[in-house]
Amino acid sequence: MTFNTLLTLERSDRPQPRSDTETQMALEKSLMHFGIMHGTSPVMERLYQQVDRVATTDATVLLVGESGTGKEVIANAIHHASKRSEQPFVAVNCGAIPAHLIEAALFGHEKGSFTGAVKQHIGYFEHASGGTLFLDEITEMPVDMQVKLLRVLECGKFLRVGGDEEVKVDVRLIAATNRDLDTAVKQGNLREDLMYRLAVFPIRIPPLRERGTDIEALAGHFLNELNEKSQAQKNFSRSSLDVIRSYSWPGNVRELKNVVQRAYIIGTDTLNIEDCISDLSTKKPTVHEGYLNFFVGTPLADAQKEIILATLKHYSGNKRLTAEALGISLKTLYNRLKEY
């Protein structure tokens, strides 16, 4: 049994066609929300239930979802619904910190512990003490650092870099990743013992394409925000509503919000979403949970390039495994990569 069996999946039915009046009512109706999360679809209602149950505890939470699904928003909601809500919420993107600096960033360092350490530095764990520490993209953390993180989770103590006295902290940890966990463990990007220690309460964040009528309602929500800010009364065109419903939104909520904002900037009284999606090159292949999706009519050379690059990324840059998976020689792979 793999870890993924712990993450249950509920898919909402595809939205049924509705009249223009019903559509407008859906866009104008205030969205049901939990804290700062929005949506009324079955998968979101289940997500609210999970947040509600875990927020009142100090259990470590592991959020798993594609980029742009709002993992930090959900971590924030858990924090604000908890008994730690008056204490700090500290968000850290593990992939944005250089490997040689991440230990000092998380745990701090003492003065003189390395070149450039001119004074004592307090790390993210101490800044978050009493509150919640959100570690996004946990699979980007170096494996040797994952060992130290595991120890902190077990005993609540750590040493600053260059220090000899243990620092004790009271931190509720929420971690997140956009990777498949079983694959990350097999490829050595995530320690199995850390995965199970983080996943005291795992939550799968549904991609936008699984959220049914939430998609058009969220688009209306973002449009209303822009209208209020600009004191305007812009609306979506009928064709835009069709595009909003039918497009797969590979970038999820983040992409939807950005597209609405772009359409708002370049539009007049009526917004044409389809123009903005075209500008964003939607015919570029997209990857979803190990599957590469192409639009019909993609040039063969482009498709081949995307397959090779996606497979190389899947195997974390291992060219031998990539060549074997693609059924080509290692020399051929090197030649193709040199061309790209």
C-alpha atoms as a PDB file:
ATOM      1  CA  MET A   1       0.000   0.000   0.000  1.00  0.00           C
ATOM      2  CA  THR A   2       1.417   3.416  -0.949  1.00  0.00           C
ATOM      3  CA  PHE A   3       1.159   6.629   0.987  1.00  0.00           C
ATOM      4  CA  ASN A   4      -1.210   8.036  -1.602  1.00  0.00           C
ATOM      5  CA  THR A   5      -3.945   5.726  -0.346  1.00  0.00           C
ATOM      6  CA  LEU A   6      -4.062   7.961   2.737  1.00  0.00           C
ATOM      7  CA  LEU A   7      -5.114  10.900   0.589  1.00  0.00           C
ATOM      8  CA  THR A   8      -8.750  10.462  -0.426  1.00  0.00           C
ATOM      9  CA  LEU A   9     -10.034  11.965  -3.642  1.00  0.00           C
ATOM     10  CA  GLU A  10     -13.533  13.254  -4.229  1.00  0.00           C
ATOM     11  CA  ARG A  11     -14.376  14.568  -7.672  1.00  0.00           C
ATOM     12  CA  SER A  12     -17.298  16.930  -8.153  1.00  0.00           C
ATOM     13  CA  ASP A  13     -19.555  16.403 -11.140  1.00  0.00           C
ATOM     14  CA  ARG A  14     -18.975  18.564 -14.166  1.00  0.00           C
ATOM     15  CA  PRO A  15     -21.180  21.671 -13.993  1.00  0.00           C
ATOM     16  CA  GLN A  16     -24.446  21.415 -15.884  1.00  0.00           C
ATOM     17  CA  PRO A  17     -25.396  24.028 -18.469  1.00  0.00           C
ATOM     18  CA  ARG A  18     -27.285  26.900 -16.905  1.00  0.00           C
ATOM     19  CA  SER A  19     -29.177  29.916 -18.116  1.00  0.00           C
ATOM     20  CA  ASP A  20     -27.587  33.351 -18.317  1.00  0.00           C
ATOM     21  CA  THR A  21     -29.738  34.473 -15.375  1.00  0.00           C
ATOM     22  CA  GLU A  22     -28.577  31.561 -13.229  1.00  0.00           C
ATOM     23  CA  THR A  23     -24.979  32.234 -14.220  1.00  0.00           C
ATOM     24  CA  GLN A  24     -25.210  35.895 -13.275  1.00  0.00           C
ATOM     25  CA  MET A  25     -26.781  34.956  -9.933  1.00  0.00           C
ATOM     26  CA  ALA A  26     -23.964  32.498  -9.311  1.00  0.00           C
ATOM     27  CA  LEU A  27     -21.375  35.179  -9.982  1.00  0.00           C
ATOM     28  CA  GLU A  28     -23.097  37.766  -7.796  1.00  0.00           C
ATOM     29  CA  LYS A  29     -23.834  35.401  -4.925  1.00  0.00           C
ATOM     30  CA  SER A  30     -21.352  35.623  -2.086  1.00  0.00           C
ATOM     31  CA  LEU A  31     -19.187  32.525  -1.921  1.00  0.00           C
ATOM     32  CA  MET A  32     -19.373  30.311   1.123  1.00  0.00           C
ATOM     33  CA  HIS A  33     -15.975  30.478   2.732  1.00  0.00           C
ATOM     34  CA  PHE A  34     -13.968  29.124   5.624  1.00  0.00           C
ATOM     35  CA  GLY A  35     -11.755  31.926   6.813  1.00  0.00           C
ATOM     36  CA  ILE A  36     -10.046  33.137   3.647  1.00  0.00           C
ATOM     37  CA  MET A  37     -10.829  30.033   1.564  1.00  0.00           C
ATOM     38  CA  HIS A  38     -13.686  30.215  -0.919  1.00  0.00           C
ATOM     39  CA  GLY A  39     -15.866  27.645  -2.640  1.00  0.00           C
ATOM     40  CA  THR A  40     -19.044  25.598  -2.308  1.00  0.00           C
ATOM     41  CA  SER A  41     -18.147  22.445  -4.251  1.00  0.00           C
ATOM     42  CA  PRO A  42     -18.231  19.028  -2.507  1.00  0.00           C
ATOM     43  CA  VAL A  43     -14.435  18.740  -2.538  1.00  0.00           C
ATOM     44  CA  MET A  44     -14.119  22.136  -0.854  1.00  0.00           C
ATOM     45  CA  GLU A  45     -16.789  21.326   1.727  1.00  0.00           C
ATOM     46  CA  ARG A  46     -14.778  18.221   2.611  1.00  0.00           C
ATOM     47  CA  LEU A  47     -11.636  20.365   2.814  1.00  0.00           C
ATOM     48  CA  TYR A  48     -13.388  22.741   5.244  1.00  0.00           C
ATOM     49  CA  GLN A  49     -14.318  19.766   7.425  1.00  0.00           C
ATOM     50  CA  GLN A  50     -10.695  18.584   7.497  1.00  0.00           C
ATOM     51  CA  VAL A  51      -9.434  22.074   8.358  1.00  0.00           C
ATOM     52  CA  ASP A  52     -12.054  22.448  11.066  1.00  0.00           C
ATOM     53  CA  ARG A  53     -11.109  19.140  12.677  1.00  0.00           C
ATOM     54  CA  VAL A  54      -7.345  19.572  12.633  1.00  0.00           C
ATOM     55  CA  ALA A  55      -7.188  23.304  13.445  1.00  0.00           C
ATOM     56  CA  THR A  56      -8.125  22.818  17.111  1.00  0.00           C
ATOM     57  CA  THR A  57      -5.257  20.359  17.602  1.00  0.00           C
ATOM     58  CA  ASP A  58      -1.489  20.764  17.514  1.00  0.00           C
ATOM     59  CA  ALA A  59      -1.091  17.926  14.998  1.00  0.00           C
ATOM     60  CA  THR A  60       1.457  18.341  12.228  1.00  0.00           C
ATOM     61  CA  VAL A  61      -0.263  18.774   8.853  1.00  0.00           C
ATOM     62  CA  LEU A  62       1.010  17.851   5.395  1.00  0.00           C
ATOM     63  CA  LEU A  63      -0.687  19.648   2.486  1.00  0.00           C
ATOM     64  CA  VAL A  64      -0.362  18.015  -0.925  1.00  0.00           C
ATOM     65  CA  GLY A  65      -1.520  19.819  -4.048  1.00  0.00           C
ATOM     66  CA  GLU A  66      -0.530  21.270  -7.394  1.00  0.00           C
ATOM     67  CA  SER A  67       1.085  24.681  -7.704  1.00  0.00           C
ATOM     68  CA  GLY A  68      -1.444  27.477  -7.476  1.00  0.00           C
ATOM     69  CA  THR A  69      -4.060  25.570  -5.461  1.00  0.00           C
ATOM     70  CA  GLY A  70      -3.591  27.805  -2.416  1.00  0.00           C
ATOM     71  CA  LYS A  71      -1.599  25.689   0.019  1.00  0.00           C
ATOM     72  CA  GLU A  72      -0.374  28.731   1.951  1.00  0.00           C
ATOM     73  CA  VAL A  73      -3.935  30.089   2.095  1.00  0.00           C
ATOM     74  CA  ILE A  74      -5.083  26.817   3.657  1.00  0.00           C
ATOM     75  CA  ALA A  75      -2.159  26.769   6.093  1.00  0.00           C
ATOM     76  CA  ASN A  76      -3.155  30.297   7.100  1.00  0.00           C
ATOM     77  CA  ALA A  77      -6.753  29.200   7.611  1.00  0.00           C
ATOM     78  CA  ILE A  78      -5.641  26.346   9.867  1.00  0.00           C
ATOM     79  CA  HIS A  79      -3.523  28.757  11.910  1.00  0.00           C
ATOM     80  CA  HIS A  80      -6.266  31.374  12.303  1.00  0.00           C
ATOM     81  CA  ALA A  81      -8.790  28.740  13.373  1.00  0.00           C
ATOM     82  CA  SER A  82      -6.408  27.363  16.012  1.00  0.00           C
ATOM     83  CA  LYS A  83      -5.631  28.351  19.589  1.00  0.00           C
ATOM     84  CA  ARG A  84      -2.388  29.830  18.243  1.00  0.00           C
ATOM     85  CA  SER A  85      -4.165  32.423  16.114  1.00  0.00           C
ATOM     86  CA  GLU A  86      -2.835  35.349  18.148  1.00  0.00           C
ATOM     87  CA  GLN A  87       0.736  34.111  17.762  1.00  0.00           C
ATOM     88  CA  PRO A  88       3.005  34.371  14.686  1.00  0.00           C
ATOM     89  CA  PHE A  89       2.359  32.613  11.390  1.00  0.00           C
ATOM     90  CA  VAL A  90       5.687  32.257   9.588  1.00  0.00           C
ATOM     91  CA  ALA A  91       5.767  31.013   5.980  1.00  0.00           C
ATOM     92  CA  VAL A  92       8.993  29.693   4.443  1.00  0.00           C
ATOM     93  CA  ASN A  93       9.568  28.454   0.880  1.00  0.00           C
ATOM     94  CA  CYS A  94      12.231  25.763   1.235  1.00  0.00           C
ATOM     95  CA  GLY A  95      13.003  25.884  -2.480  1.00  0.00           C
ATOM     96  CA  ALA A  96      13.887  29.583  -2.322  1.00  0.00           C
ATOM     97  CA  ILE A  97      16.687  29.188   0.248  1.00  0.00           C
ATOM     98  CA  PRO A  98      20.163  28.090  -0.954  1.00  0.00           C
ATOM     99  CA  ALA A  99      21.111  24.668   0.432  1.00  0.00           C
ATOM    100  CA  HIS A 100      24.143  26.021   2.306  1.00  0.00           C
ATOM    101  CA  LEU A 101      22.030  28.649   4.082  1.00  0.00           C
ATOM    102  CA  ILE A 102      18.888  26.741   4.985  1.00  0.00           C
ATOM    103  CA  GLU A 103      20.096  25.461   8.377  1.00  0.00           C
ATOM    104  CA  ALA A 104      20.976  28.971   9.540  1.00  0.00           C
ATOM    105  CA  ALA A 105      17.714  30.299   8.105  1.00  0.00           C
ATOM    106  CA  LEU A 106      15.604  27.779  10.010  1.00  0.00           C
ATOM    107  CA  PHE A 107      17.552  27.466  13.253  1.00  0.00           C
ATOM    108  CA  GLY A 108      19.575  30.690  13.351  1.00  0.00           C
ATOM    109  CA  HIS A 109      23.295  31.088  14.006  1.00  0.00           C
ATOM    110  CA  GLU A 110      25.676  32.482  16.588  1.00  0.00           C
ATOM    111  CA  LYS A 111      28.004  35.396  16.024  1.00  0.00           C
ATOM    112  CA  GLY A 112      31.216  34.279  14.337  1.00  0.00           C
ATOM    113  CA  SER A 113      29.897  30.825  13.428  1.00  0.00           C
ATOM    114  CA  PHE A 114      30.907  31.360   9.778  1.00  0.00           C
ATOM    115  CA  THR A 115      32.280  34.086   7.520  1.00  0.00           C
ATOM    116  CA  GLY A 116      29.814  36.957   7.486  1.00  0.00           C
ATOM    117  CA  ALA A 117      28.079  36.002  10.742  1.00  0.00           C
ATOM    118  CA  VAL A 118      28.784  39.331  12.408  1.00  0.00           C
ATOM    119  CA  LYS A 119      25.999  38.960  14.962  1.00  0.00           C
ATOM    120  CA  GLN A 120      23.604  36.402  16.381  1.00  0.00           C
ATOM    121  CA  HIS A 121      20.708  35.560  14.060  1.00  0.00           C
ATOM    122  CA  ILE A 122      17.335  34.194  15.151  1.00  0.00           C
ATOM    123  CA  GLY A 123      15.902  31.614  12.740  1.00  0.00           C
ATOM    124  CA  TYR A 124      12.392  30.938  11.522  1.00  0.00           C
ATOM    125  CA  PHE A 125      11.703  28.341  14.215  1.00  0.00           C
ATOM    126  CA  GLU A 126      12.318  30.840  16.997  1.00  0.00           C
ATOM    127  CA  HIS A 127      10.342  33.556  15.203  1.00  0.00           C
ATOM    128  CA  ALA A 128       7.407  31.145  14.988  1.00  0.00           C
ATOM    129  CA  SER A 129       7.610  29.923  18.583  1.00  0.00           C
ATOM    130  CA  GLY A 130       4.154  29.828  20.127  1.00  0.00           C
ATOM    131  CA  GLY A 131       2.593  29.971  16.670  1.00  0.00           C
ATOM    132  CA  THR A 132       2.727  28.135  13.349  1.00  0.00           C
ATOM    133  CA  LEU A 133       5.612  27.508  10.958  1.00  0.00           C
ATOM    134  CA  PHE A 134       4.620  26.757   7.362  1.00  0.00           C
ATOM    135  CA  LEU A 135       7.310  24.992   5.308  1.00  0.00           C
ATOM    136  CA  ASP A 136       6.295  25.097   1.656  1.00  0.00           C
ATOM    137  CA  GLU A 137       7.950  22.850  -0.954  1.00  0.00           C
ATOM    138  CA  ILE A 138       9.326  20.564   1.741  1.00  0.00           C
ATOM    139  CA  THR A 139      10.666  18.135  -0.883  1.00  0.00           C
ATOM    140  CA  GLU A 140      13.126  20.840  -2.000  1.00  0.00           C
ATOM    141  CA  MET A 141      14.840  20.736   1.402  1.00  0.00           C
ATOM    142  CA  PRO A 142      18.246  18.970   1.301  1.00  0.00           C
ATOM    143  CA  VAL A 143      18.049  15.420   2.678  1.00  0.00           C
ATOM    144  CA  ASP A 144      20.705  16.054   5.353  1.00  0.00           C
ATOM    145  CA  MET A 145      18.607  18.973   6.578  1.00  0.00           C
ATOM    146  CA  GLN A 146      15.531  16.754   6.670  1.00  0.00           C
ATOM    147  CA  VAL A 147      17.274  14.638   9.319  1.00  0.00           C
ATOM    148  CA  LYS A 148      17.699  17.699  11.543  1.00  0.00           C
ATOM    149  CA  LEU A 149      14.106  18.758  10.945  1.00  0.00           C
ATOM    150  CA  LEU A 150      12.919  15.310  11.996  1.00  0.00           C
ATOM    151  CA  ARG A 151      14.800  15.643  15.295  1.00  0.00           C
ATOM    152  CA  VAL A 152      13.204  19.024  16.007  1.00  0.00           C
ATOM    153  CA  LEU A 153       9.764  17.554  15.374  1.00  0.00           C
ATOM    154  CA  GLU A 154      10.504  14.720  17.783  1.00  0.00           C
ATOM    155  CA  CYS A 155      11.980  16.700  20.686  1.00  0.00           C
ATOM    156  CA  GLY A 156      11.207  20.381  20.042  1.00  0.00           C
ATOM    157  CA  LYS A 157      14.869  21.356  20.453  1.00  0.00           C
ATOM    158  CA  PHE A 158      17.714  22.379  18.160  1.00  0.00           C
ATOM    159  CA  LEU A 159      21.136  24.018  18.104  1.00  0.00           C
ATOM    160  CA  ARG A 160      21.793  27.275  16.330  1.00  0.00           C
ATOM    161  CA  VAL A 161      24.632  27.029  13.821  1.00  0.00           C
ATOM    162  CA  GLY A 162      27.804  27.489  15.839  1.00  0.00           C
ATOM    163  CA  GLY A 163      25.945  27.155  19.136  1.00  0.00           C
ATOM    164  CA  ASP A 164      26.409  24.662  21.968  1.00  0.00           C
ATOM    165  CA  GLU A 165      23.198  25.274  23.944  1.00  0.00           C
ATOM    166  CA  GLU A 166      19.918  23.732  22.815  1.00  0.00           C
ATOM    167  CA  VAL A 167      17.034  26.075  22.078  1.00  0.00           C
ATOM    168  CA  LYS A 168      13.556  24.821  22.957  1.00  0.00           C
ATOM    169  CA  VAL A 169      10.577  26.012  20.922  1.00  0.00           C
ATOM    170  CA  ASP A 170       6.835  25.406  20.836  1.00  0.00           C
ATOM    171  CA  VAL A 171       5.920  25.395  17.143  1.00  0.00           C
ATOM    172  CA  ARG A 172       3.001  23.884  15.240  1.00  0.00           C
ATOM    173  CA  LEU A 173       4.366  22.736  11.877  1.00  0.00           C
ATOM    174  CA  ILE A 174       2.477  22.668   8.586  1.00  0.00           C
ATOM    175  CA  ALA A 175       4.371  21.407   5.524  1.00  0.00           C
ATOM    176  CA  ALA A 176       3.389  21.381   1.857  1.00  0.00           C
ATOM    177  CA  THR A 177       4.516  19.997  -1.473  1.00  0.00           C
ATOM    178  CA  ASN A 178       3.312  19.886  -5.073  1.00  0.00           C
ATOM    179  CA  ARG A 179       5.075  16.563  -5.703  1.00  0.00           C
ATOM    180  CA  ASP A 180       3.750  13.026  -5.593  1.00  0.00           C
ATOM    181  CA  LEU A 181       4.964  11.794  -2.205  1.00  0.00           C
ATOM    182  CA  ASP A 182       5.689   8.188  -3.143  1.00  0.00           C
ATOM    183  CA  THR A 183       7.729   9.350  -6.135  1.00  0.00           C
ATOM    184  CA  ALA A 184       9.597  11.911  -4.019  1.00  0.00           C
ATOM    185  CA  VAL A 185      10.558   9.168  -1.530  1.00  0.00           C
ATOM    186  CA  LYS A 186      11.662   6.748  -4.270  1.00  0.00           C
ATOM    187  CA  GLN A 187      13.785   9.421  -5.946  1.00  0.00           C
ATOM    188  CA  GLY A 188      15.438  10.406  -2.667  1.00  0.00           C
ATOM    189  CA  ASN A 189      13.911  13.885  -2.429  1.00  0.00           C
ATOM    190  CA  LEU A 190      12.011  13.115   0.775  1.00  0.00           C
ATOM    191  CA  ARG A 191      12.954  10.844   3.659  1.00  0.00           C
ATOM    192  CA  GLU A 192      10.284   8.259   4.290  1.00  0.00           C
ATOM    193  CA  ASP A 193      10.485   8.664   8.066  1.00  0.00           C
ATOM    194  CA  LEU A 194      10.042  12.438   7.718  1.00  0.00           C
ATOM    195  CA  MET A 195       7.100  11.957   5.360  1.00  0.00           C
ATOM    196  CA  TYR A 196       5.209   9.885   7.913  1.00  0.00           C
ATOM    197  CA  ARG A 197       6.180  12.240  10.735  1.00  0.00           C
ATOM    198  CA  LEU A 198       4.838  15.217   8.782  1.00  0.00           C
ATOM    199  CA  ALA A 199       1.701  13.392   7.676  1.00  0.00           C
ATOM    200  CA  VAL A 200       0.076  13.090  11.073  1.00  0.00           C
ATOM    201  CA  PHE A 201      -2.881  14.668   9.283  1.00  0.00           C
ATOM    202  CA  PRO A 202      -2.463  14.695   5.469  1.00  0.00           C
ATOM    203  CA  ILE A 203      -4.747  16.909   3.381  1.00  0.00           C
ATOM    204  CA  ARG A 204      -5.024  16.765  -0.406  1.00  0.00           C
ATOM    205  CA  ILE A 205      -5.813  20.143  -1.970  1.00  0.00           C
ATOM    206  CA  PRO A 206      -8.063  19.683  -5.019  1.00  0.00           C
ATOM    207  CA  PRO A 207      -6.976  21.338  -8.283  1.00  0.00           C
ATOM    208  CA  LEU A 208      -9.324  23.960  -9.665  1.00  0.00           C
ATOM    209  CA  ARG A 209     -10.504  21.703 -12.511  1.00  0.00           C
ATOM    210  CA  GLU A 210     -12.108  19.378  -9.914  1.00  0.00           C
ATOM    211  CA  ARG A 211     -14.094  22.135  -8.218  1.00  0.00           C
ATOM    212  CA  GLY A 212     -17.075  22.379 -10.572  1.00  0.00           C
ATOM    213  CA  THR A 213     -19.008  25.653 -10.385  1.00  0.00           C
ATOM    214  CA  ASP A 214     -16.466  27.079  -7.946  1.00  0.00           C
ATOM    215  CA  ILE A 215     -14.449  28.087 -11.006  1.00  0.00           C
ATOM    216  CA  GLU A 216     -16.914  30.638 -12.377  1.00  0.00           C
ATOM    217  CA  ALA A 217     -17.879  31.754  -8.868  1.00  0.00           C
ATOM    218  CA  LEU A 218     -14.220  32.413  -8.019  1.00  0.00           C
ATOM    219  CA  ALA A 219     -13.806  34.332 -11.265  1.00  0.00           C
ATOM    220  CA  GLY A 220     -16.788  36.455 -10.238  1.00  0.00           C
ATOM    221  CA  HIS A 221     -15.276  36.934  -6.793  1.00  0.00           C
ATOM    222  CA  PHE A 222     -11.984  38.197  -8.258  1.00  0.00           C
ATOM    223  CA  LEU A 223     -13.894  40.461 -10.656  1.00  0.00           C
ATOM    224  CA  ASN A 224     -15.945  41.934  -7.805  1.00  0.00           C
ATOM    225  CA  GLU A 225     -12.762  42.667  -5.853  1.00  0.00           C
ATOM    226  CA  LEU A 226     -11.320  44.551  -8.826  1.00  0.00           C
ATOM    227  CA  ASN A 227     -14.583  46.429  -9.389  1.00  0.00           C
ATOM    228  CA  GLU A 228     -14.696  47.532  -5.754  1.00  0.00           C
ATOM    229  CA  LYS A 229     -11.087  48.639  -5.824  1.00  0.00           C
ATOM    230  CA  SER A 230     -11.499  50.592  -9.070  1.00  0.00           C
ATOM    231  CA  GLN A 231     -15.093  51.706  -8.372  1.00  0.00           C
ATOM    232  CA  ALA A 232     -16.182  50.273 -11.715  1.00  0.00           C
ATOM    233  CA  GLN A 233     -18.876  47.876 -12.965  1.00  0.00           C
ATOM    234  CA  LYS A 234     -17.157  45.638 -15.497  1.00  0.00           C
ATOM    235  CA  ASN A 235     -18.634  42.259 -16.479  1.00  0.00           C
ATOM    236  CA  PHE A 236     -17.570  39.089 -18.261  1.00  0.00           C
ATOM    237  CA  SER A 237     -18.671  38.507 -21.829  1.00  0.00           C
ATOM    238  CA  ARG A 238     -20.847  35.439 -22.470  1.00  0.00           C
ATOM    239  CA  SER A 239     -17.977  33.778 -24.350  1.00  0.00           C
ATOM    240  CA  SER A 240     -15.699  34.425 -21.357  1.00  0.00           C
ATOM    241  CA  LEU A 241     -18.047  32.500 -19.095  1.00  0.00           C
ATOM    242  CA  ASP A 242     -17.909  29.563 -21.507  1.00  0.00           C
ATOM    243  CA  VAL A 243     -14.111  29.665 -21.480  1.00  0.00           C
ATOM    244  CA  ILE A 244     -13.985  29.891 -17.689  1.00  0.00           C
ATOM    245  CA  ARG A 245     -16.095  26.725 -17.422  1.00  0.00           C
ATOM    246  CA  SER A 246     -14.294  24.702 -20.106  1.00  0.00           C
ATOM    247  CA  TYR A 247     -10.624  25.627 -19.647  1.00  0.00           C
ATOM    248  CA  SER A 248      -8.550  23.192 -17.552  1.00  0.00           C
ATOM    249  CA  TRP A 249      -6.717  25.908 -15.539  1.00  0.00           C
ATOM    250  CA  PRO A 250      -3.357  24.111 -15.138  1.00  0.00           C
ATOM    251  CA  GLY A 251      -2.145  26.990 -12.975  1.00  0.00           C
ATOM    252  CA  ASN A 252      -5.199  26.591 -10.734  1.00  0.00           C
ATOM    253  CA  VAL A 253      -6.556  29.478  -8.618  1.00  0.00           C
ATOM    254  CA  ARG A 254      -3.407  31.531  -9.076  1.00  0.00           C
ATOM    255  CA  GLU A 255      -3.751  31.372 -12.861  1.00  0.00           C
ATOM    256  CA  LEU A 256      -7.465  32.187 -12.731  1.00  0.00           C
ATOM    257  CA  LYS A 257      -6.863  35.255 -10.575  1.00  0.00           C
ATOM    258  CA  ASN A 258      -4.029  36.485 -12.803  1.00  0.00           C
ATOM    259  CA  VAL A 259      -6.046  35.983 -15.997  1.00  0.00           C
ATOM    260  CA  VAL A 260      -9.032  37.883 -14.574  1.00  0.00           C
ATOM    261  CA  GLN A 261      -6.746  40.729 -13.526  1.00  0.00           C
ATOM    262  CA  ARG A 262      -5.095  40.843 -16.951  1.00  0.00           C
ATOM    263  CA  ALA A 263      -8.486  40.862 -18.681  1.00  0.00           C
ATOM    264  CA  TYR A 264      -9.597  43.644 -16.354  1.00  0.00           C
ATOM    265  CA  ILE A 265      -6.597  45.802 -17.200  1.00  0.00           C
ATOM    266  CA  ILE A 266      -6.904  45.509 -20.983  1.00  0.00           C
ATOM    267  CA  GLY A 267     -10.727  45.277 -21.129  1.00  0.00           C
ATOM    268  CA  THR A 268     -13.356  48.001 -21.275  1.00  0.00           C
ATOM    269  CA  ASP A 269     -16.804  47.416 -19.779  1.00  0.00           C
ATOM    270  CA  THR A 270     -16.879  43.809 -20.967  1.00  0.00           C
ATOM    271  CA  LEU A 271     -14.003  41.440 -20.276  1.00  0.00           C
ATOM    272  CA  ASN A 272     -12.834  38.850 -22.810  1.00  0.00           C
ATOM    273  CA  ILE A 273     -11.031  36.134 -20.893  1.00  0.00           C
ATOM    274  CA  GLU A 274     -10.256  34.109 -24.022  1.00  0.00           C
ATOM    275  CA  ASP A 275      -7.915  36.824 -25.321  1.00  0.00           C
ATOM    276  CA  CYS A 276      -5.831  36.690 -22.155  1.00  0.00           C
ATOM    277  CA  ILE A 277      -5.635  32.911 -22.071  1.00  0.00           C
ATOM    278  CA  SER A 278      -4.430  32.970 -25.671  1.00  0.00           C
ATOM    279  CA  ASP A 279      -1.757  35.474 -24.676  1.00  0.00           C
ATOM    280  CA  LEU A 280      -0.611  33.051 -21.980  1.00  0.00           C
ATOM    281  CA  SER A 281       0.126  30.380 -24.637  1.00  0.00           C
ATOM    282  CA  THR A 282      -2.402  27.830 -23.464  1.00  0.00           C
ATOM    283  CA  LYS A 283      -1.386  25.454 -26.205  1.00  0.00           C
ATOM    284  CA  LYS A 284       1.778  24.694 -24.287  1.00  0.00           C
ATOM    285  CA  PRO A 285       1.644  21.122 -22.902  1.00  0.00           C
ATOM    286  CA  THR A 286       0.848  20.834 -19.195  1.00  0.00           C
ATOM    287  CA  VAL A 287       1.811  18.225 -16.611  1.00  0.00           C
ATOM    288  CA  HIS A 288      -0.750  16.936 -14.111  1.00  0.00           C
ATOM    289  CA  GLU A 289       0.224  14.266 -11.574  1.00  0.00           C
ATOM    290  CA  GLY A 290       2.624  12.460 -13.895  1.00  0.00           C
ATOM    291  CA  TYR A 291       0.582  12.922 -17.109  1.00  0.00           C
ATOM    292  CA  LEU A 292       1.649  15.192 -19.981  1.00  0.00           C
ATOM    293  CA  ASN A 293      -1.323  16.751 -21.796  1.00  0.00           C
ATOM    294  CA  PHE A 294      -1.011  18.083 -25.349  1.00  0.00           C
ATOM    295  CA  PHE A 295      -3.379  20.140 -27.453  1.00  0.00           C
ATOM    296  CA  VAL A 296      -4.331  18.639 -30.823  1.00  0.00           C
ATOM    297  CA  GLY A 297      -2.124  20.151 -33.494  1.00  0.00           C
ATOM    298  CA  THR A 298       1.015  20.498 -31.362  1.00  0.00           C
ATOM    299  CA  PRO A 299       4.033  20.303 -33.716  1.00  0.00           C
ATOM    300  CA  LEU A 300       5.797  16.936 -33.483  1.00  0.00           C
ATOM    301  CA  ALA A 301       9.170  18.520 -32.686  1.00  0.00           C
ATOM    302  CA  ASP A 302       7.635  20.537 -29.850  1.00  0.00           C
ATOM    303  CA  ALA A 303       5.872  17.463 -28.485  1.00  0.00           C
ATOM    304  CA  GLN A 304       9.114  15.479 -28.530  1.00  0.00           C
ATOM    305  CA  LYS A 305      10.948  18.268 -26.731  1.00  0.00           C
ATOM    306  CA  GLU A 306       8.304  18.527 -24.019  1.00  0.00           C
ATOM    307  CA  ILE A 307       8.243  14.740 -23.510  1.00  0.00           C
ATOM    308  CA  ILE A 308      12.012  14.606 -23.083  1.00  0.00           C
ATOM    309  CA  LEU A 309      12.162  17.570 -20.702  1.00  0.00           C
ATOM    310  CA  ALA A 310       9.186  16.389 -18.651  1.00  0.00           C
ATOM    311  CA  THR A 311      10.676  12.896 -18.333  1.00  0.00           C
ATOM    312  CA  LEU A 312      14.050  14.330 -17.324  1.00  0.00           C
ATOM    313  CA  LYS A 313      12.339  16.402 -14.638  1.00  0.00           C
ATOM    314  CA  HIS A 314      10.341  13.360 -13.490  1.00  0.00           C
ATOM    315  CA  TYR A 315      13.598  11.502 -12.889  1.00  0.00           C
ATOM    316  CA  SER A 316      15.165  14.507 -11.126  1.00  0.00           C
ATOM    317  CA  GLY A 317      17.745  15.071 -13.869  1.00  0.00           C
ATOM    318  CA  ASN A 318      18.948  11.456 -14.024  1.00  0.00           C
ATOM    319  CA  LYS A 319      19.811  11.112 -17.724  1.00  0.00           C
ATOM    320  CA  ARG A 320      20.359   7.341 -17.658  1.00  0.00           C
ATOM    321  CA  LEU A 321      16.893   6.666 -16.241  1.00  0.00           C
ATOM    322  CA  THR A 322      15.397   9.221 -18.630  1.00  0.00           C
ATOM    323  CA  ALA A 323      16.971   7.556 -21.685  1.00  0.00           C
ATOM    324  CA  GLU A 324      15.802   4.116 -20.533  1.00  0.00           C
ATOM    325  CA  ALA A 325      12.250   5.335 -19.953  1.00  0.00           C
ATOM    326  CA  LEU A 326      12.112   6.974 -23.389  1.00  0.00           C
ATOM    327  CA  GLY A 327      13.666   3.979 -25.153  1.00  0.00           C
ATOM    328  CA  ILE A 328      16.544   5.964 -26.632  1.00  0.00           C
ATOM    329  CA  SER A 329      20.292   5.824 -26.205  1.00  0.00           C
ATOM    330  CA  LEU A 330      22.077   8.043 -23.711  1.00  0.00           C
ATOM    331  CA  LYS A 331      23.972   9.625 -26.607  1.00  0.00           C
ATOM    332  CA  THR A 332      20.714  10.507 -28.357  1.00  0.00           C
ATOM    333  CA  LEU A 333      19.412  12.090 -25.181  1.00  0.00           C
ATOM    334  CA  TYR A 334      22.564  14.205 -24.781  1.00  0.00           C
ATOM    335  CA  ASN A 335      22.270  15.329 -28.410  1.00  0.00           C
ATOM    336  CA  ARG A 336      18.651  16.356 -27.932  1.00  0.00           C
ATOM    337  CA  LEU A 337      19.397  18.249 -24.712  1.00  0.00           C
ATOM    338  CA  LYS A 338      22.276  20.027 -26.421  1.00  0.00           C
ATOM    339  CA  GLU A 339      19.868  21.176 -29.161  1.00  0.00           C
ATOM    340  CA  TYR A 340      17.356  22.436 -26.578  1.00  0.00           C
END
